[in-house]
Amino acid sequence: MAKSLIVLSDQEEFFSFLIDGGEICKIKVEKKGLVRIVDSIFKGKVKKLVKGMDGVFVDIGLEREAYLPLKHNCKKDGEEIKPVRVGEEIIVQVVREPIGEKGAKLTKRIKLVGKYLIYVPNANDVRFSSRLSKEDRERLKGIALEVLPKYGFSCGVIFRTHASKASEEEIVKDIDSLKKLWLKILKKSSVQKKPGILLEEYPSYVKIIKDHWYELEEIVADSPYVWNDIVSFLEEFEPPLVKKTVYVKDAGVYVNRYRIHDTFRKMLSRQVWLRGGGYIVIEETEAMTVIDVNSGEPCGESHEENALSTNLEAAKEIAKQIMLRDIGGIIVIDFIDMKKQENRDLVIKTLQDSFGDEACNIQIYGFTRLGLLEMARKKSGESVSSLLTESCPLCRGKGKVKSKSLLAFELEKDLKREPHGIIDLHINPQSADTAKGVVKMHGLKYVNVIEDKSVDYNDYEIHYRT
């Protein structure tokens, strides 16, 4: 199904929305002006061996040392994993950004993402997306085995799903482009004396394009900088998409069309209703995310039948919410209890299938003796809901409220629409400074900020004077 990408900006952040079937299915939030850490490649220096953690701490030029797990004297997918020594200089890639008191997490297995494949230096294996057919795998493997040995050094590839539609010429071009990029990284590392970044990852909106370019029918940006950045990338990556990339000065029509404000409110809510009357409750903690499934009105002839019906609906919604909120790490789901193993297996299969292309980042371990389903999703940083909330000043941090940056984003998009005269903006006194900052920043002289205790802390009201 064709998808759209909407990239909206405010003074502090970029918000990227991937639209599928008229609904937002993915949100990425990125702070402006910060060095992108996750998936970026660094030159590092090993500082300390930690035997109890089976790893080393590495200086990569950030404020805190990063952690690199070690796998001594073993092979992984055809790649020899060699021990590292204190003082050794190494090239690493960040797989998880620094969180709280924890530094970044690293890997020595570098991955460079291309259009049809992922290039893996220092490996010698050929792997495939699980969605590729046997015939496609045989064809692509033949191309890789013919091309890779010509480079004179070990390297491997992982073919992406859309490689099935690529010609041999396009595959070879992709491999050659990524090989040249890796050689540039090696050259830069050889002349760079101190630990630091060698290759910064693309912005989040470009990463979405790289993952979904073949199904995008429209790309919209409300920032000239973002529009130019996207077009510059597409001119080399996928020129036909340039014509589908547009700049809009006022993004209000897209905010309304895709109900972006409503999506934020639902995404930040603990409770999500199911169409069958049941609901799920999502609790994010530092250690893990816990999801509880609750039943609605009985519609079957037995408890088992009702439980299965609600659980199947919940499994689809849970997958949707995990991807929308970008929840990673350990996830425990308390489905409604079912006695039959075949029903449990069906719920697991439904959950797995609901992740679609994201399934490669998912590991489902099954039900425990207590009937809880354990799973994990690759975690690279904070979830979207964590990025867009902050500790509530009214309950001393026991709850969460909308962050000032999200409130400013929503206010800017609503207030900058074509004005119909004087606007009275009613807002809670606790949030008044944020509103006044937006009005001053954008010169919105037709807006009067009115402090109103009756307005919810997370909300505001816009009144047009007649």
Protein backbone atom coordinates (compact mmCIF):
# COMPACT_ATOMS: atom_id res chain seq x y z
CA MET A 1 0.00 0.00 0.00
CA ALA A 2 1.27 3.47 -0.91
CA LYS A 3 2.53 5.57 1.98
CA SER A 4 3.17 9.26 2.66
CA LEU A 5 5.85 10.96 4.74
CA ILE A 6 5.03 14.24 6.51
CA VAL A 7 7.96 16.09 8.14
CA LEU A 8 6.98 18.99 10.40
CA SER A 9 9.37 21.27 12.27
CA ASP A 10 9.38 23.71 15.14
CA GLN A 11 12.18 25.65 16.82
CA GLU A 12 13.59 22.61 18.63
CA GLU A 13 12.64 19.41 16.83
CA PHE A 14 11.78 17.57 13.63
CA PHE A 15 8.64 15.40 13.69
CA SER A 16 8.43 12.70 11.00
CA PHE A 17 5.09 10.95 10.40
CA LEU A 18 4.79 7.89 8.17
CA ILE A 19 1.21 7.60 6.90
CA ASP A 20 -0.26 4.28 5.77
CA GLY A 21 -3.88 4.04 4.63
CA GLY A 22 -4.65 7.49 6.01
CA GLU A 23 -3.37 6.60 9.50
CA ILE A 24 -0.09 7.44 11.20
CA CYS A 25 1.87 4.21 11.65
CA LYS A 26 5.28 5.56 12.66
CA ILE A 27 6.53 8.69 14.42
CA LYS A 28 10.14 9.80 14.77
CA VAL A 29 11.22 12.77 16.87
CA GLU A 30 14.66 14.32 16.49
CA LYS A 31 16.20 17.28 18.30
CA LYS A 32 17.73 19.94 16.09
CA GLY A 33 21.43 20.67 16.29
CA LEU A 34 22.45 17.45 18.07
CA VAL A 35 24.93 14.93 16.69
CA ARG A 36 23.06 11.77 15.71
CA ILE A 37 24.54 8.91 17.73
CA VAL A 38 22.61 5.71 16.92
CA ASP A 39 23.91 3.89 13.80
CA SER A 40 26.73 6.43 13.43
CA ILE A 41 30.26 5.04 13.04
CA PHE A 42 33.08 6.12 15.38
CA LYS A 43 36.78 5.66 15.83
CA GLY A 44 37.30 4.50 19.40
CA LYS A 45 40.05 3.64 21.82
CA VAL A 46 39.67 0.78 24.32
CA LYS A 47 40.06 2.18 27.84
CA LYS A 48 39.11 -0.56 30.27
CA LEU A 49 38.42 -4.31 30.31
CA VAL A 50 35.46 -5.33 32.52
CA LYS A 51 35.59 -9.10 32.92
CA GLY A 52 32.45 -9.25 35.04
CA MET A 53 30.46 -7.69 32.18
CA ASP A 54 32.36 -9.58 29.45
CA GLY A 55 33.07 -6.36 27.66
CA VAL A 56 35.19 -3.23 27.43
CA PHE A 57 34.62 0.47 27.85
CA VAL A 58 35.60 2.51 24.81
CA ASP A 59 36.31 6.21 24.39
CA ILE A 60 34.51 7.33 21.20
CA GLY A 61 34.75 11.06 21.87
CA LEU A 62 31.48 11.43 23.76
CA GLU A 63 30.99 12.70 27.31
CA ARG A 64 30.72 9.14 28.68
CA GLU A 65 32.63 6.05 27.63
CA ALA A 66 30.63 3.54 25.60
CA TYR A 67 30.26 -0.19 26.24
CA LEU A 68 31.34 -2.87 23.75
CA PRO A 69 30.31 -6.48 24.53
CA LEU A 70 33.02 -9.03 23.75
CA LYS A 71 32.67 -12.43 22.11
CA HIS A 72 36.01 -14.14 22.43
CA ASN A 73 37.24 -16.89 20.11
CA CYS A 74 33.95 -17.39 18.30
CA LYS A 75 32.49 -16.86 14.87
CA LYS A 76 29.28 -15.03 14.09
CA ASP A 77 27.70 -15.46 10.68
CA GLY A 78 31.05 -16.23 9.12
CA GLU A 79 32.89 -13.34 10.79
CA GLU A 80 35.84 -13.93 13.10
CA ILE A 81 35.33 -11.95 16.31
CA LYS A 82 38.82 -11.10 17.59
CA PRO A 83 39.55 -10.05 21.18
CA VAL A 84 40.43 -6.41 21.74
CA ARG A 85 43.20 -5.02 23.95
CA VAL A 86 43.31 -2.00 26.23
CA GLY A 87 44.77 0.91 24.25
CA GLU A 88 43.74 -0.55 20.88
CA GLU A 89 42.08 1.71 18.32
CA ILE A 90 38.92 0.22 16.76
CA ILE A 91 36.08 1.20 14.43
CA VAL A 92 32.65 0.72 16.02
CA GLN A 93 28.99 1.49 15.37
CA VAL A 94 26.50 2.67 18.01
CA VAL A 95 23.48 0.38 18.44
CA ARG A 96 21.95 2.17 21.45
CA GLU A 97 22.28 5.79 22.44
CA PRO A 98 23.33 6.90 25.96
CA ILE A 99 20.36 6.69 28.34
CA GLY A 100 20.40 8.12 31.85
CA GLU A 101 23.67 7.11 33.50
CA LYS A 102 24.40 4.46 30.87
CA GLY A 103 26.77 5.19 28.03
CA ALA A 104 26.19 4.18 24.43
CA LYS A 105 26.29 0.50 23.43
CA LEU A 106 28.57 -0.49 20.55
CA THR A 107 29.19 -3.23 18.02
CA LYS A 108 32.24 -4.02 15.89
CA ARG A 109 29.97 -5.55 13.24
CA ILE A 110 29.51 -2.49 11.04
CA LYS A 111 26.42 -2.28 8.82
CA LEU A 112 26.04 0.19 5.96
CA VAL A 113 22.45 0.41 4.70
CA GLY A 114 21.86 0.78 0.99
CA LYS A 115 18.89 0.79 -1.33
CA TYR A 116 18.57 -2.95 -1.84
CA LEU A 117 21.01 -4.44 0.67
CA ILE A 118 23.05 -3.94 3.81
CA TYR A 119 26.83 -4.07 3.37
CA VAL A 120 28.77 -5.79 6.18
CA PRO A 121 32.56 -5.23 6.09
CA ASN A 122 34.87 -7.94 7.48
CA ALA A 123 32.25 -10.66 7.01
CA ASN A 124 31.98 -13.27 4.28
CA ASP A 125 28.35 -14.36 4.39
CA VAL A 126 25.28 -13.65 2.27
CA ARG A 127 21.97 -13.33 4.12
CA PHE A 128 18.41 -12.43 3.18
CA SER A 129 15.21 -10.82 4.41
CA SER A 130 12.79 -13.50 5.56
CA ARG A 131 10.25 -12.12 3.08
CA LEU A 132 12.33 -12.99 0.04
CA SER A 133 11.25 -16.11 -1.89
CA LYS A 134 13.51 -19.08 -2.52
CA GLU A 135 13.84 -18.11 -6.18
CA ASP A 136 14.85 -14.54 -5.31
CA ARG A 137 17.40 -15.78 -2.79
CA GLU A 138 19.06 -18.04 -5.33
CA ARG A 139 19.26 -15.24 -7.91
CA LEU A 140 20.60 -12.67 -5.48
CA LYS A 141 23.08 -15.09 -3.94
CA GLY A 142 24.50 -15.82 -7.37
CA ILE A 143 25.04 -12.12 -8.03
CA ALA A 144 26.70 -11.58 -4.63
CA LEU A 145 29.03 -14.57 -4.93
CA GLU A 146 30.17 -13.32 -8.32
CA VAL A 147 30.72 -9.70 -7.26
CA LEU A 148 32.06 -9.82 -3.68
CA PRO A 149 35.29 -11.82 -4.32
CA LYS A 150 36.41 -9.18 -6.85
CA TYR A 151 37.01 -6.64 -4.07
CA GLY A 152 39.99 -8.52 -2.70
CA PHE A 153 38.90 -8.31 0.95
CA SER A 154 36.22 -9.99 3.04
CA CYS A 155 32.75 -8.46 3.08
CA GLY A 156 29.18 -9.72 3.32
CA VAL A 157 25.72 -8.53 2.41
CA ILE A 158 22.18 -8.80 3.73
CA PHE A 159 19.57 -8.46 0.98
CA ARG A 160 16.54 -6.35 1.84
CA THR A 161 12.99 -7.26 0.83
CA HIS A 162 12.81 -4.91 -2.15
CA ALA A 163 15.93 -6.48 -3.67
CA SER A 164 13.50 -8.89 -5.34
CA LYS A 165 12.59 -6.14 -7.83
CA ALA A 166 16.17 -4.99 -8.47
CA SER A 167 18.15 -5.85 -11.58
CA GLU A 168 21.65 -7.28 -11.47
CA GLU A 169 23.01 -3.88 -12.51
CA GLU A 170 21.21 -2.14 -9.62
CA ILE A 171 22.49 -4.72 -7.10
CA VAL A 172 26.07 -4.35 -8.31
CA LYS A 173 25.78 -0.54 -8.21
CA ASP A 174 24.49 -0.70 -4.61
CA ILE A 175 27.33 -2.98 -3.48
CA ASP A 176 29.94 -0.84 -5.22
CA SER A 177 28.59 2.39 -3.71
CA LEU A 178 28.65 0.97 -0.17
CA LYS A 179 32.11 -0.52 -0.67
CA LYS A 180 33.44 2.92 -1.66
CA LEU A 181 31.78 4.43 1.40
CA TRP A 182 33.52 1.87 3.64
CA LEU A 183 36.90 2.66 2.06
CA LYS A 184 36.32 6.37 2.78
CA ILE A 185 35.60 5.49 6.41
CA LEU A 186 38.83 3.48 6.64
CA LYS A 187 40.81 6.33 5.10
CA LYS A 188 39.33 8.88 7.50
CA SER A 189 40.06 6.60 10.46
CA SER A 190 43.70 6.28 9.42
CA VAL A 191 44.26 10.06 9.45
CA GLN A 192 42.00 10.90 12.42
CA LYS A 193 44.21 10.81 15.52
CA LYS A 194 41.62 11.13 18.28
CA PRO A 195 38.44 9.14 19.05
CA GLY A 196 35.42 10.67 17.35
CA ILE A 197 32.78 10.32 14.70
CA LEU A 198 33.72 8.95 11.28
CA LEU A 199 30.28 8.83 9.66
CA GLU A 200 27.18 10.47 11.10
CA GLU A 201 23.87 8.72 10.48
CA TYR A 202 21.23 10.37 8.30
CA PRO A 203 18.36 12.35 9.91
CA SER A 204 15.36 10.26 10.94
CA TYR A 205 13.26 11.46 7.99
CA VAL A 206 15.91 10.29 5.52
CA LYS A 207 16.14 6.91 7.29
CA ILE A 208 12.38 6.50 6.81
CA ILE A 209 12.80 7.28 3.11
CA LYS A 210 15.57 4.69 2.82
CA ASP A 211 13.28 2.07 4.38
CA HIS A 212 10.11 2.92 2.42
CA TRP A 213 11.22 4.70 -0.78
CA TYR A 214 9.59 2.15 -3.08
CA GLU A 215 6.11 2.71 -1.59
CA LEU A 216 6.11 6.47 -0.96
CA GLU A 217 3.64 8.45 -3.06
CA GLU A 218 4.15 11.81 -1.33
CA ILE A 219 6.75 13.55 0.83
CA VAL A 220 5.78 16.83 2.51
CA ALA A 221 7.98 19.20 4.53
CA ASP A 222 7.11 22.54 6.14
CA SER A 223 10.76 23.59 6.46
CA PRO A 224 12.83 24.81 3.48
CA TYR A 225 15.91 23.29 5.11
CA VAL A 226 14.31 19.85 5.43
CA TRP A 227 12.86 20.02 1.92
CA ASN A 228 16.28 20.88 0.45
CA ASP A 229 17.95 18.14 2.54
CA ILE A 230 15.48 15.52 1.27
CA VAL A 231 15.70 16.63 -2.36
CA SER A 232 19.52 16.63 -2.26
CA PHE A 233 19.46 13.07 -0.95
CA LEU A 234 16.86 11.86 -3.45
CA GLU A 235 18.66 13.30 -6.48
CA GLU A 236 21.22 10.54 -6.09
CA PHE A 237 19.24 7.88 -4.21
CA GLU A 238 15.89 7.85 -6.10
CA PRO A 239 15.44 10.78 -8.58
CA PRO A 240 11.77 9.98 -9.46
CA LEU A 241 10.78 10.78 -5.86
CA VAL A 242 12.00 14.38 -6.20
CA LYS A 243 8.81 15.27 -8.12
CA LYS A 244 6.73 13.87 -5.27
CA THR A 245 8.50 15.98 -2.64
CA VAL A 246 6.77 19.27 -1.82
CA TYR A 247 7.34 22.21 0.50
CA VAL A 248 4.34 23.78 2.25
CA LYS A 249 4.51 26.97 4.26
CA ASP A 250 1.36 26.15 6.25
CA ALA A 251 1.06 22.49 7.26
CA GLY A 252 -2.32 22.97 8.96
CA VAL A 253 -4.20 20.99 6.32
CA TYR A 254 -1.97 17.94 6.94
CA VAL A 255 -2.22 18.32 10.72
CA ASN A 256 -6.01 18.18 10.37
CA ARG A 257 -6.16 15.52 7.65
CA TYR A 258 -4.11 13.00 9.61
CA ARG A 259 -5.40 14.05 13.05
CA ILE A 260 -1.88 14.57 14.35
CA HIS A 261 -2.99 16.20 17.61
CA ASP A 262 -5.39 13.32 18.31
CA THR A 263 -2.64 10.81 17.55
CA PHE A 264 -0.36 12.46 20.11
CA ARG A 265 -3.11 12.42 22.74
CA LYS A 266 -3.88 8.74 22.17
CA MET A 267 -0.21 7.80 22.01
CA LEU A 268 0.50 9.48 25.35
CA SER A 269 -2.47 7.78 27.00
CA ARG A 270 -1.99 4.66 29.12
CA GLN A 271 -5.26 3.18 27.91
CA VAL A 272 -6.11 2.18 24.35
CA TRP A 273 -9.63 0.97 23.50
CA LEU A 274 -10.31 -1.98 21.20
CA ARG A 275 -13.21 -2.08 18.77
CA GLY A 276 -14.66 -5.17 20.45
CA GLY A 277 -15.09 -3.29 23.73
CA GLY A 278 -11.90 -4.44 25.44
CA TYR A 279 -8.87 -2.29 26.07
CA ILE A 280 -5.14 -2.48 26.72
CA VAL A 281 -3.10 -0.58 29.32
CA ILE A 282 0.52 0.30 28.49
CA GLU A 283 2.98 1.09 31.28
CA GLU A 284 6.55 2.06 30.36
CA THR A 285 9.17 1.71 33.11
CA GLU A 286 12.94 2.02 33.07
CA ALA A 287 13.40 -1.76 33.19
CA MET A 288 10.63 -2.92 30.84
CA THR A 289 7.23 -2.19 29.33
CA VAL A 290 4.19 -3.97 30.75
CA ILE A 291 0.98 -4.31 28.73
CA ASP A 292 -2.28 -5.55 30.24
CA VAL A 293 -5.19 -6.84 28.13
CA ASN A 294 -8.73 -6.44 29.49
CA SER A 295 -11.89 -7.99 28.06
CA GLY A 296 -15.01 -6.24 26.81
CA GLU A 297 -18.55 -7.54 26.50
CA PRO A 298 -18.78 -11.35 26.05
CA CYS A 299 -19.56 -12.31 22.46
CA GLY A 300 -18.73 -16.02 22.35
CA GLU A 301 -20.18 -19.18 23.82
CA SER A 302 -17.38 -19.74 26.35
CA HIS A 303 -14.68 -17.95 28.28
CA GLU A 304 -12.00 -19.50 26.04
CA GLU A 305 -13.73 -18.23 22.89
CA ASN A 306 -14.17 -14.73 24.34
CA ALA A 307 -10.57 -14.64 25.54
CA LEU A 308 -9.23 -15.70 22.15
CA SER A 309 -11.32 -13.11 20.29
CA THR A 310 -10.17 -10.25 22.54
CA ASN A 311 -6.55 -11.43 22.57
CA LEU A 312 -6.35 -11.60 18.78
CA GLU A 313 -7.68 -8.07 18.47
CA ALA A 314 -5.34 -6.92 21.23
CA ALA A 315 -2.30 -8.56 19.57
CA LYS A 316 -2.82 -6.48 16.42
CA GLU A 317 -3.28 -3.25 18.39
CA ILE A 318 -0.28 -3.99 20.63
CA ALA A 319 1.99 -4.40 17.60
CA LYS A 320 0.64 -1.13 16.20
CA GLN A 321 1.21 0.75 19.47
CA ILE A 322 4.72 -0.67 20.00
CA MET A 323 5.76 0.56 16.55
CA LEU A 324 3.93 3.88 16.85
CA ARG A 325 5.41 4.63 20.27
CA ASP A 326 8.79 3.13 19.26
CA ILE A 327 8.92 1.01 22.42
CA GLY A 328 12.04 -1.13 22.73
CA GLY A 329 13.67 -3.49 25.21
CA ILE A 330 11.85 -6.08 27.30
CA ILE A 331 8.06 -6.20 26.88
CA VAL A 332 5.74 -8.36 29.00
CA ILE A 333 2.10 -8.80 27.92
CA ASP A 334 -0.64 -10.07 30.23
CA PHE A 335 -3.16 -11.50 27.77
CA ILE A 336 -6.50 -12.83 29.01
CA ASP A 337 -5.89 -16.38 30.25
CA MET A 338 -6.39 -19.17 27.70
CA LYS A 339 -6.22 -22.90 28.41
CA LYS A 340 -5.68 -24.31 24.92
CA GLN A 341 -2.13 -24.32 23.55
CA GLU A 342 -3.35 -23.90 19.96
CA ASN A 343 -5.05 -20.66 20.96
CA ARG A 344 -1.86 -19.38 22.57
CA ASP A 345 0.09 -20.29 19.43
CA LEU A 346 -2.46 -18.42 17.29
CA VAL A 347 -2.07 -15.28 19.42
CA ILE A 348 1.72 -15.46 19.08
CA LYS A 349 1.48 -15.88 15.30
CA THR A 350 -0.97 -12.97 15.02
CA LEU A 351 1.34 -10.76 17.07
CA GLN A 352 4.37 -11.74 14.98
CA ASP A 353 2.56 -11.18 11.68
CA SER A 354 1.23 -7.80 12.82
CA PHE A 355 4.76 -6.39 13.00
CA GLY A 356 5.20 -6.85 9.24
CA ASP A 357 8.64 -5.70 8.09
CA GLU A 358 9.48 -4.84 11.70
CA ALA A 359 9.45 -8.55 12.59
CA CYS A 360 13.23 -8.72 12.09
CA ASN A 361 13.65 -6.52 15.18
CA ILE A 362 11.28 -8.64 17.28
CA GLN A 363 11.96 -11.71 19.41
CA ILE A 364 8.94 -13.46 20.94
CA TYR A 365 9.84 -15.97 23.66
CA GLY A 366 6.36 -17.32 24.35
CA PHE A 367 4.16 -17.66 27.42
CA THR A 368 5.55 -18.22 30.92
CA ARG A 369 4.04 -20.50 33.57
CA LEU A 370 2.13 -17.50 34.86
CA GLY A 371 0.55 -16.97 31.45
CA LEU A 372 2.57 -13.84 30.62
CA LEU A 373 3.97 -13.43 27.12
CA GLU A 374 7.61 -12.37 27.01
CA MET A 375 9.07 -10.57 24.02
CA ALA A 376 11.77 -8.06 23.18
CA ARG A 377 12.22 -5.39 20.52
CA LYS A 378 15.51 -3.91 19.45
CA LYS A 379 16.08 -0.77 21.50
CA SER A 380 18.18 2.07 20.13
CA GLY A 381 16.98 4.94 22.33
CA GLU A 382 14.08 6.42 24.22
CA SER A 383 10.52 5.75 23.08
CA VAL A 384 8.53 8.54 21.40
CA SER A 385 6.26 8.88 24.43
CA SER A 386 9.32 9.31 26.70
CA LEU A 387 10.74 11.99 24.41
CA LEU A 388 7.44 13.90 24.36
CA THR A 389 6.61 13.85 28.07
CA GLU A 390 8.19 15.19 31.24
CA SER A 391 7.65 14.73 34.96
CA CYS A 392 4.45 16.38 36.16
CA PRO A 393 5.20 19.39 38.39
CA LEU A 394 1.85 18.98 40.15
CA CYS A 395 2.41 15.43 41.40
CA ARG A 396 6.18 15.61 41.98
CA GLY A 397 7.13 13.36 39.15
CA LYS A 398 4.73 10.49 39.82
CA GLY A 399 2.92 11.10 36.53
CA LYS A 400 3.66 12.39 33.04
CA VAL A 401 2.44 15.44 31.17
CA LYS A 402 2.98 16.77 27.68
CA SER A 403 6.47 18.25 27.29
CA LYS A 404 6.95 21.96 26.66
CA SER A 405 8.46 21.18 23.24
CA LEU A 406 5.39 19.20 22.13
CA LEU A 407 3.04 21.90 23.46
CA ALA A 408 5.05 24.54 21.58
CA PHE A 409 4.90 22.46 18.40
CA GLU A 410 1.11 22.11 18.57
CA LEU A 411 0.60 25.79 19.40
CA GLU A 412 2.80 26.93 16.52
CA LYS A 413 0.93 24.80 13.97
CA ASP A 414 -2.49 25.94 15.23
CA LEU A 415 -1.74 29.64 15.70
CA LYS A 416 0.17 30.19 12.44
CA ARG A 417 -2.80 29.27 10.27
CA GLU A 418 -4.40 32.08 8.29
CA PRO A 419 -5.79 34.29 11.09
CA HIS A 420 -9.46 35.28 11.20
CA GLY A 421 -8.86 38.36 13.32
CA ILE A 422 -7.87 38.57 16.98
CA ILE A 423 -7.31 35.26 18.82
CA ASP A 424 -7.72 34.73 22.57
CA LEU A 425 -5.58 31.77 23.60
CA HIS A 426 -6.78 30.29 26.90
CA ILE A 427 -4.11 28.18 28.57
CA ASN A 428 -3.26 26.86 32.02
CA PRO A 429 -0.99 29.28 33.96
CA GLN A 430 1.62 26.53 34.28
CA SER A 431 2.00 26.52 30.48
CA ALA A 432 1.56 30.25 29.84
CA ASP A 433 5.29 30.97 29.48
CA THR A 434 5.56 28.38 26.71
CA ALA A 435 2.64 29.95 24.85
CA LYS A 436 4.05 33.47 25.25
CA GLY A 437 7.38 32.24 23.92
CA VAL A 438 5.72 30.86 20.77
CA VAL A 439 3.78 34.10 20.23
CA LYS A 440 6.91 36.22 20.63
CA MET A 441 9.13 33.92 18.54
CA HIS A 442 6.81 34.03 15.53
CA GLY A 443 5.55 37.60 15.92
CA LEU A 444 1.91 36.56 16.33
CA LYS A 445 0.64 39.98 17.37
CA TYR A 446 -2.99 38.93 16.81
CA VAL A 447 -2.78 36.37 19.66
CA ASN A 448 -3.63 37.27 23.27
CA VAL A 449 -2.44 34.73 25.84
CA ILE A 450 -4.98 34.40 28.65
CA GLU A 451 -4.04 32.41 31.75
CA ASP A 452 -7.03 30.22 32.60
CA LYS A 453 -6.94 27.74 35.51
CA SER A 454 -10.01 25.95 34.16
CA VAL A 455 -8.05 24.72 31.12
CA ASP A 456 -6.37 21.35 31.50
CA TYR A 457 -2.59 21.43 32.00
CA ASN A 458 -2.10 19.44 28.79
CA ASP A 459 -4.51 21.48 26.66
CA TYR A 460 -5.43 24.95 25.42
CA GLU A 461 -8.45 26.66 23.86
CA ILE A 462 -8.45 29.00 20.87
CA HIS A 463 -11.23 31.61 20.76
CA TYR A 464 -11.72 33.82 17.68
CA ARG A 465 -13.14 37.28 18.32
CA THR A 466 -16.12 38.14 16.15
